[in-house]
Amino acid sequence: MSKTCQIPGTRAGVGNRVSHSHRKTRRTFAPNLQSKRYWVPSLQRHVTLTVSAKGIKTIDRISIEAAIARIRRDQNVN
């Protein structure tokens, strides 16, 4: 599975690692991904999602039902 959050779609960013002498080499900034289990009342089961810290806060704000609907909608669009 790719290093992508399933809610906001956060991916790894790229930038430069800068040494003390200011030599620049490329590096990646990985998102803070967590594997989290949620109980979904409408499905009567647990669902495991790979979400970032921002994604966890989004689920807390909009509810797990709306978050799963958003994931399904985004999968159907692509």
PDB file of N, CA and C in Angstrom:
ATOM      1  N   MET A   1       0.843  -1.178   0.000  1.00  0.00           N
ATOM      2  CA  MET A   1       0.000   0.000   0.000  1.00  0.00           C
ATOM      3  C   MET A   1       0.889   1.241   0.000  1.00  0.00           C
ATOM      4  N   SER A   2       0.468   2.250  -0.744  1.00  0.00           N
ATOM      5  CA  SER A   2       1.269   3.461  -0.837  1.00  0.00           C
ATOM      6  C   SER A   2       1.172   4.275   0.446  1.00  0.00           C
ATOM      7  N   LYS A   3       2.120   5.155   0.607  1.00  0.00           N
ATOM      8  CA  LYS A   3       2.147   6.004   1.798  1.00  0.00           C
ATOM      9  C   LYS A   3       1.256   7.214   1.573  1.00  0.00           C
ATOM     10  N   THR A   4      -0.056   6.959   1.574  1.00  0.00           N
ATOM     11  CA  THR A   4      -1.052   7.990   1.321  1.00  0.00           C
ATOM     12  C   THR A   4      -2.148   7.872   2.363  1.00  0.00           C
ATOM     13  N   CYS A   5      -2.588   8.999   2.886  1.00  0.00           N
ATOM     14  CA  CYS A   5      -3.704   9.013   3.821  1.00  0.00           C
ATOM     15  C   CYS A   5      -4.995   8.791   3.046  1.00  0.00           C
ATOM     16  N   GLN A   6      -5.901   7.966   3.580  1.00  0.00           N
ATOM     17  CA  GLN A   6      -7.121   7.632   2.872  1.00  0.00           C
ATOM     18  C   GLN A   6      -8.186   8.722   2.964  1.00  0.00           C
ATOM     19  N   ILE A   7      -8.066   9.658   3.886  1.00  0.00           N
ATOM     20  CA  ILE A   7      -9.077  10.714   4.018  1.00  0.00           C
ATOM     21  C   ILE A   7      -8.690  11.958   3.216  1.00  0.00           C
ATOM     22  N   PRO A   8      -7.678  12.750   3.621  1.00  0.00           N
ATOM     23  CA  PRO A   8      -7.370  13.938   2.815  1.00  0.00           C
ATOM     24  C   PRO A   8      -6.458  13.654   1.628  1.00  0.00           C
ATOM     25  N   GLY A   9      -5.901  12.438   1.519  1.00  0.00           N
ATOM     26  CA  GLY A   9      -5.043  12.115   0.381  1.00  0.00           C
ATOM     27  C   GLY A   9      -3.629  12.653   0.506  1.00  0.00           C
ATOM     28  N   THR A  10      -3.196  12.904   1.731  1.00  0.00           N
ATOM     29  CA  THR A  10      -1.857  13.441   1.968  1.00  0.00           C
ATOM     30  C   THR A  10      -0.805  12.446   1.499  1.00  0.00           C
ATOM     31  N   ARG A  11       0.173  12.933   0.729  1.00  0.00           N
ATOM     32  CA  ARG A  11       1.265  12.095   0.235  1.00  0.00           C
ATOM     33  C   ARG A  11       2.592  12.653   0.715  1.00  0.00           C
ATOM     34  N   ALA A  12       3.648  11.895   0.456  1.00  0.00           N
ATOM     35  CA  ALA A  12       4.986  12.335   0.825  1.00  0.00           C
ATOM     36  C   ALA A  12       5.374  13.552  -0.007  1.00  0.00           C
ATOM     37  N   GLY A  13       6.010  14.519   0.630  1.00  0.00           N
ATOM     38  CA  GLY A  13       6.508  15.691  -0.065  1.00  0.00           C
ATOM     39  C   GLY A  13       7.996  15.540  -0.301  1.00  0.00           C
ATOM     40  N   VAL A  14       8.547  16.351  -1.171  1.00  0.00           N
ATOM     41  CA  VAL A  14       9.978  16.299  -1.446  1.00  0.00           C
ATOM     42  C   VAL A  14      10.593  17.662  -1.176  1.00  0.00           C
ATOM     43  N   GLY A  15      11.868  17.634  -0.863  1.00  0.00           N
ATOM     44  CA  GLY A  15      12.584  18.869  -0.590  1.00  0.00           C
ATOM     45  C   GLY A  15      14.075  18.588  -0.543  1.00  0.00           C
ATOM     46  N   ASN A  16      14.798  19.480   0.083  1.00  0.00           N
ATOM     47  CA  ASN A  16      16.248  19.347   0.172  1.00  0.00           C
ATOM     48  C   ASN A  16      16.680  19.124   1.606  1.00  0.00           C
ATOM     49  N   ARG A  17      17.639  18.213   1.765  1.00  0.00           N
ATOM     50  CA  ARG A  17      18.344  18.081   3.040  1.00  0.00           C
ATOM     51  C   ARG A  17      19.527  19.021   2.924  1.00  0.00           C
ATOM     52  N   VAL A  18      19.671  19.928   3.867  1.00  0.00           N
ATOM     53  CA  VAL A  18      20.720  20.942   3.792  1.00  0.00           C
ATOM     54  C   VAL A  18      21.721  20.687   4.912  1.00  0.00           C
ATOM     55  N   SER A  19      22.969  20.437   4.534  1.00  0.00           N
ATOM     56  CA  SER A  19      24.008  20.166   5.525  1.00  0.00           C
ATOM     57  C   SER A  19      24.515  21.473   6.129  1.00  0.00           C
ATOM     58  N   HIS A  20      25.418  21.340   7.078  1.00  0.00           N
ATOM     59  CA  HIS A  20      26.008  22.512   7.728  1.00  0.00           C
ATOM     60  C   HIS A  20      26.741  23.392   6.712  1.00  0.00           C
ATOM     61  N   SER A  21      27.345  22.750   5.693  1.00  0.00           N
ATOM     62  CA  SER A  21      28.053  23.510   4.657  1.00  0.00           C
ATOM     63  C   SER A  21      27.123  23.958   3.528  1.00  0.00           C
ATOM     64  N   HIS A  22      25.820  23.745   3.704  1.00  0.00           N
ATOM     65  CA  HIS A  22      24.773  24.128   2.756  1.00  0.00           C
ATOM     66  C   HIS A  22      24.802  23.357   1.441  1.00  0.00           C
ATOM     67  N   ARG A  23      25.342  22.126   1.475  1.00  0.00           N
ATOM     68  CA  ARG A  23      25.187  21.249   0.320  1.00  0.00           C
ATOM     69  C   ARG A  23      23.776  20.695   0.366  1.00  0.00           C
ATOM     70  N   LYS A  24      23.129  20.654  -0.764  1.00  0.00           N
ATOM     71  CA  LYS A  24      21.730  20.226  -0.805  1.00  0.00           C
ATOM     72  C   LYS A  24      21.600  18.879  -1.510  1.00  0.00           C
ATOM     73  N   THR A  25      20.904  17.941  -0.851  1.00  0.00           N
ATOM     74  CA  THR A  25      20.567  16.661  -1.455  1.00  0.00           C
ATOM     75  C   THR A  25      19.074  16.453  -1.282  1.00  0.00           C
ATOM     76  N   ARG A  26      18.464  15.721  -2.222  1.00  0.00           N
ATOM     77  CA  ARG A  26      17.021  15.528  -2.195  1.00  0.00           C
ATOM     78  C   ARG A  26      16.603  14.584  -1.068  1.00  0.00           C
ATOM     79  N   ARG A  27      15.451  14.844  -0.485  1.00  0.00           N
ATOM     80  CA  ARG A  27      14.900  13.989   0.557  1.00  0.00           C
ATOM     81  C   ARG A  27      13.385  14.010   0.467  1.00  0.00           C
ATOM     82  N   THR A  28      12.740  13.081   1.176  1.00  0.00           N
ATOM     83  CA  THR A  28      11.279  13.052   1.206  1.00  0.00           C
ATOM     84  C   THR A  28      10.796  13.360   2.621  1.00  0.00           C
ATOM     85  N   PHE A  29       9.649  14.002   2.697  1.00  0.00           N
ATOM     86  CA  PHE A  29       8.989  14.274   3.958  1.00  0.00           C
ATOM     87  C   PHE A  29       7.784  13.345   4.028  1.00  0.00           C
ATOM     88  N   ALA A  30       7.868  12.315   4.858  1.00  0.00           N
ATOM     89  CA  ALA A  30       6.794  11.331   4.947  1.00  0.00           C
ATOM     90  C   ALA A  30       5.659  11.859   5.820  1.00  0.00           C
ATOM     91  N   PRO A  31       4.404  11.593   5.448  1.00  0.00           N
ATOM     92  CA  PRO A  31       3.288  12.005   6.294  1.00  0.00           C
ATOM     93  C   PRO A  31       3.224  11.135   7.551  1.00  0.00           C
ATOM     94  N   ASN A  32       2.586  11.643   8.584  1.00  0.00           N
ATOM     95  CA  ASN A  32       2.461  10.931   9.852  1.00  0.00           C
ATOM     96  C   ASN A  32       1.291   9.950   9.757  1.00  0.00           C
ATOM     97  N   LEU A  33       1.536   8.785   9.160  1.00  0.00           N
ATOM     98  CA  LEU A  33       0.466   7.812   8.926  1.00  0.00           C
ATOM     99  C   LEU A  33       0.323   6.853  10.098  1.00  0.00           C
ATOM    100  N   GLN A  34      -0.925   6.582  10.437  1.00  0.00           N
ATOM    101  CA  GLN A  34      -1.262   5.647  11.500  1.00  0.00           C
ATOM    102  C   GLN A  34      -2.280   4.657  10.946  1.00  0.00           C
ATOM    103  N   SER A  35      -2.199   3.419  11.393  1.00  0.00           N
ATOM    104  CA  SER A  35      -3.216   2.440  11.051  1.00  0.00           C
ATOM    105  C   SER A  35      -4.209   2.440  12.204  1.00  0.00           C
ATOM    106  N   LYS A  36      -5.459   2.821  11.937  1.00  0.00           N
ATOM    107  CA  LYS A  36      -6.439   3.006  13.000  1.00  0.00           C
ATOM    108  C   LYS A  36      -7.698   2.221  12.690  1.00  0.00           C
ATOM    109  N   ARG A  37      -8.257   1.592  13.725  1.00  0.00           N
ATOM    110  CA  ARG A  37      -9.471   0.793  13.600  1.00  0.00           C
ATOM    111  C   ARG A  37     -10.659   1.591  14.112  1.00  0.00           C
ATOM    112  N   TYR A  38     -11.709   1.639  13.316  1.00  0.00           N
ATOM    113  CA  TYR A  38     -12.928   2.359  13.690  1.00  0.00           C
ATOM    114  C   TYR A  38     -14.110   1.405  13.645  1.00  0.00           C
ATOM    115  N   TRP A  39     -15.048   1.580  14.579  1.00  0.00           N
ATOM    116  CA  TRP A  39     -16.303   0.840  14.546  1.00  0.00           C
ATOM    117  C   TRP A  39     -17.283   1.630  13.693  1.00  0.00           C
ATOM    118  N   VAL A  40     -17.875   0.971  12.691  1.00  0.00           N
ATOM    119  CA  VAL A  40     -18.843   1.612  11.813  1.00  0.00           C
ATOM    120  C   VAL A  40     -20.216   1.024  12.136  1.00  0.00           C
ATOM    121  N   PRO A  41     -21.096   1.807  12.782  1.00  0.00           N
ATOM    122  CA  PRO A  41     -22.398   1.270  13.196  1.00  0.00           C
ATOM    123  C   PRO A  41     -23.270   0.793  12.032  1.00  0.00           C
ATOM    124  N   SER A  42     -23.234   1.487  10.898  1.00  0.00           N
ATOM    125  CA  SER A  42     -24.093   1.088   9.784  1.00  0.00           C
ATOM    126  C   SER A  42     -23.667  -0.246   9.178  1.00  0.00           C
ATOM    127  N   LEU A  43     -22.365  -0.556   9.222  1.00  0.00           N
ATOM    128  CA  LEU A  43     -21.868  -1.828   8.703  1.00  0.00           C
ATOM    129  C   LEU A  43     -21.807  -2.915   9.764  1.00  0.00           C
ATOM    130  N   GLN A  44     -21.943  -2.516  11.029  1.00  0.00           N
ATOM    131  CA  GLN A  44     -21.853  -3.443  12.169  1.00  0.00           C
ATOM    132  C   GLN A  44     -20.524  -4.191  12.190  1.00  0.00           C
ATOM    133  N   ARG A  45     -19.432  -3.477  11.889  1.00  0.00           N
ATOM    134  CA  ARG A  45     -18.100  -4.099  11.939  1.00  0.00           C
ATOM    135  C   ARG A  45     -17.030  -3.028  12.073  1.00  0.00           C
ATOM    136  N   HIS A  46     -15.816  -3.486  12.345  1.00  0.00           N
ATOM    137  CA  HIS A  46     -14.675  -2.589  12.414  1.00  0.00           C
ATOM    138  C   HIS A  46     -14.086  -2.398  11.023  1.00  0.00           C
ATOM    139  N   VAL A  47     -13.536  -1.210  10.794  1.00  0.00           N
ATOM    140  CA  VAL A  47     -12.859  -0.896   9.538  1.00  0.00           C
ATOM    141  C   VAL A  47     -11.486  -0.347   9.900  1.00  0.00           C
ATOM    142  N   THR A  48     -10.448  -0.863   9.253  1.00  0.00           N
ATOM    143  CA  THR A  48      -9.091  -0.375   9.484  1.00  0.00           C
ATOM    144  C   THR A  48      -8.719   0.589   8.370  1.00  0.00           C
ATOM    145  N   LEU A  49      -8.329   1.800   8.754  1.00  0.00           N
ATOM    146  CA  LEU A  49      -7.951   2.832   7.794  1.00  0.00           C
ATOM    147  C   LEU A  49      -6.509   3.249   8.034  1.00  0.00           C
ATOM    148  N   THR A  50      -5.825   3.639   6.973  1.00  0.00           N
ATOM    149  CA  THR A  50      -4.500   4.237   7.079  1.00  0.00           C
ATOM    150  C   THR A  50      -4.693   5.743   6.963  1.00  0.00           C
ATOM    151  N   VAL A  51      -4.563   6.426   8.086  1.00  0.00           N
ATOM    152  CA  VAL A  51      -4.865   7.856   8.126  1.00  0.00           C
ATOM    153  C   VAL A  51      -3.721   8.620   8.759  1.00  0.00           C
ATOM    154  N   SER A  52      -3.594   9.877   8.362  1.00  0.00           N
ATOM    155  CA  SER A  52      -2.609  10.765   8.975  1.00  0.00           C
ATOM    156  C   SER A  52      -3.224  11.386  10.223  1.00  0.00           C
ATOM    157  N   ALA A  53      -2.430  12.134  10.961  1.00  0.00           N
ATOM    158  CA  ALA A  53      -2.936  12.813  12.153  1.00  0.00           C
ATOM    159  C   ALA A  53      -4.054  13.775  11.768  1.00  0.00           C
ATOM    160  N   LYS A  54      -3.911  14.456  10.642  1.00  0.00           N
ATOM    161  CA  LYS A  54      -4.964  15.354  10.163  1.00  0.00           C
ATOM    162  C   LYS A  54      -6.209  14.566   9.776  1.00  0.00           C
ATOM    163  N   GLY A  55      -6.032  13.391   9.197  1.00  0.00           N
ATOM    164  CA  GLY A  55      -7.165  12.553   8.835  1.00  0.00           C
ATOM    165  C   GLY A  55      -7.953  12.080  10.047  1.00  0.00           C
ATOM    166  N   ILE A  56      -7.253  11.766  11.147  1.00  0.00           N
ATOM    167  CA  ILE A  56      -7.922  11.362  12.384  1.00  0.00           C
ATOM    168  C   ILE A  56      -8.785  12.508  12.905  1.00  0.00           C
ATOM    169  N   LYS A  57      -8.252  13.716  12.854  1.00  0.00           N
ATOM    170  CA  LYS A  57      -9.021  14.880  13.303  1.00  0.00           C
ATOM    171  C   LYS A  57     -10.220  15.127  12.403  1.00  0.00           C
ATOM    172  N   THR A  58     -10.067  14.894  11.104  1.00  0.00           N
ATOM    173  CA  THR A  58     -11.170  15.060  10.163  1.00  0.00           C
ATOM    174  C   THR A  58     -12.278  14.056  10.458  1.00  0.00           C
ATOM    175  N   ILE A  59     -11.910  12.798  10.728  1.00  0.00           N
ATOM    176  CA  ILE A  59     -12.902  11.779  11.054  1.00  0.00           C
ATOM    177  C   ILE A  59     -13.629  12.142  12.341  1.00  0.00           C
ATOM    178  N   ASP A  60     -12.906  12.660  13.329  1.00  0.00           N
ATOM    179  CA  ASP A  60     -13.549  13.091  14.571  1.00  0.00           C
ATOM    180  C   ASP A  60     -14.547  14.214  14.313  1.00  0.00           C
ATOM    181  N   ARG A  61     -14.245  15.065  13.344  1.00  0.00           N
ATOM    182  CA  ARG A  61     -15.104  16.216  13.065  1.00  0.00           C
ATOM    183  C   ARG A  61     -16.338  15.836  12.240  1.00  0.00           C
ATOM    184  N   ILE A  62     -16.148  15.012  11.185  1.00  0.00           N
ATOM    185  CA  ILE A  62     -17.267  14.747  10.264  1.00  0.00           C
ATOM    186  C   ILE A  62     -17.937  13.401  10.496  1.00  0.00           C
ATOM    187  N   SER A  63     -17.434  12.567  11.359  1.00  0.00           N
ATOM    188  CA  SER A  63     -17.921  11.227  11.708  1.00  0.00           C
ATOM    189  C   SER A  63     -17.358  10.178  10.735  1.00  0.00           C
ATOM    190  N   ILE A  64     -17.290   8.960  11.231  1.00  0.00           N
ATOM    191  CA  ILE A  64     -16.733   7.867  10.438  1.00  0.00           C
ATOM    192  C   ILE A  64     -17.640   7.525   9.257  1.00  0.00           C
ATOM    193  N   GLU A  65     -18.952   7.686   9.426  1.00  0.00           N
ATOM    194  CA  GLU A  65     -19.889   7.392   8.334  1.00  0.00           C
ATOM    195  C   GLU A  65     -19.619   8.299   7.123  1.00  0.00           C
ATOM    196  N   ALA A  66     -19.486   9.597   7.381  1.00  0.00           N
ATOM    197  CA  ALA A  66     -19.223  10.555   6.302  1.00  0.00           C
ATOM    198  C   ALA A  66     -17.844  10.324   5.694  1.00  0.00           C
ATOM    199  N   ALA A  67     -16.876   9.940   6.523  1.00  0.00           N
ATOM    200  CA  ALA A  67     -15.525   9.696   6.017  1.00  0.00           C
ATOM    201  C   ALA A  67     -15.506   8.493   5.069  1.00  0.00           C
ATOM    202  N   ILE A  68     -16.215   7.426   5.417  1.00  0.00           N
ATOM    203  CA  ILE A  68     -16.267   6.246   4.552  1.00  0.00           C
ATOM    204  C   ILE A  68     -17.001   6.573   3.264  1.00  0.00           C
ATOM    205  N   ALA A  69     -18.060   7.379   3.355  1.00  0.00           N
ATOM    206  CA  ALA A  69     -18.768   7.798   2.143  1.00  0.00           C
ATOM    207  C   ALA A  69     -17.845   8.600   1.237  1.00  0.00           C
ATOM    208  N   ARG A  70     -16.998   9.448   1.826  1.00  0.00           N
ATOM    209  CA  ARG A  70     -16.047  10.247   1.045  1.00  0.00           C
ATOM    210  C   ARG A  70     -15.016   9.348   0.373  1.00  0.00           C
ATOM    211  N   ILE A  71     -14.523   8.324   1.081  1.00  0.00           N
ATOM    212  CA  ILE A  71     -13.540   7.407   0.507  1.00  0.00           C
ATOM    213  C   ILE A  71     -14.161   6.650  -0.676  1.00  0.00           C
ATOM    214  N   ARG A  72     -15.390   6.170  -0.513  1.00  0.00           N
ATOM    215  CA  ARG A  72     -16.050   5.438  -1.595  1.00  0.00           C
ATOM    216  C   ARG A  72     -16.302   6.339  -2.792  1.00  0.00           C
ATOM    217  N   ARG A  73     -16.700   7.594  -2.544  1.00  0.00           N
ATOM    218  CA  ARG A  73     -16.946   8.530  -3.632  1.00  0.00           C
ATOM    219  C   ARG A  73     -15.651   8.795  -4.401  1.00  0.00           C
ATOM    220  N   ASP A  74     -14.536   8.989  -3.680  1.00  0.00           N
ATOM    221  CA  ASP A  74     -13.261   9.265  -4.340  1.00  0.00           C
ATOM    222  C   ASP A  74     -12.756   8.062  -5.129  1.00  0.00           C
ATOM    223  N   GLN A  75     -13.024   6.840  -4.655  1.00  0.00           N
ATOM    224  CA  GLN A  75     -12.601   5.641  -5.380  1.00  0.00           C
ATOM    225  C   GLN A  75     -13.406   5.474  -6.662  1.00  0.00           C
ATOM    226  N   ASN A  76     -14.677   5.845  -6.635  1.00  0.00           N
ATOM    227  CA  ASN A  76     -15.513   5.719  -7.832  1.00  0.00           C
ATOM    228  C   ASN A  76     -15.170   6.759  -8.880  1.00  0.00           C
ATOM    229  N   VAL A  77     -14.686   7.910  -8.461  1.00  0.00           N
ATOM    230  CA  VAL A  77     -14.332   8.990  -9.404  1.00  0.00           C
ATOM    231  C   VAL A  77     -13.094   8.583 -10.191  1.00  0.00           C
ATOM    232  N   ASN A  78     -12.111   7.975  -9.513  1.00  0.00           N
ATOM    233  CA  ASN A  78     -10.853   7.607 -10.182  1.00  0.00           C
ATOM    234  C   ASN A  78     -10.989   6.408 -11.005  1.00  0.00           C
TER     235      ASN A  78
END
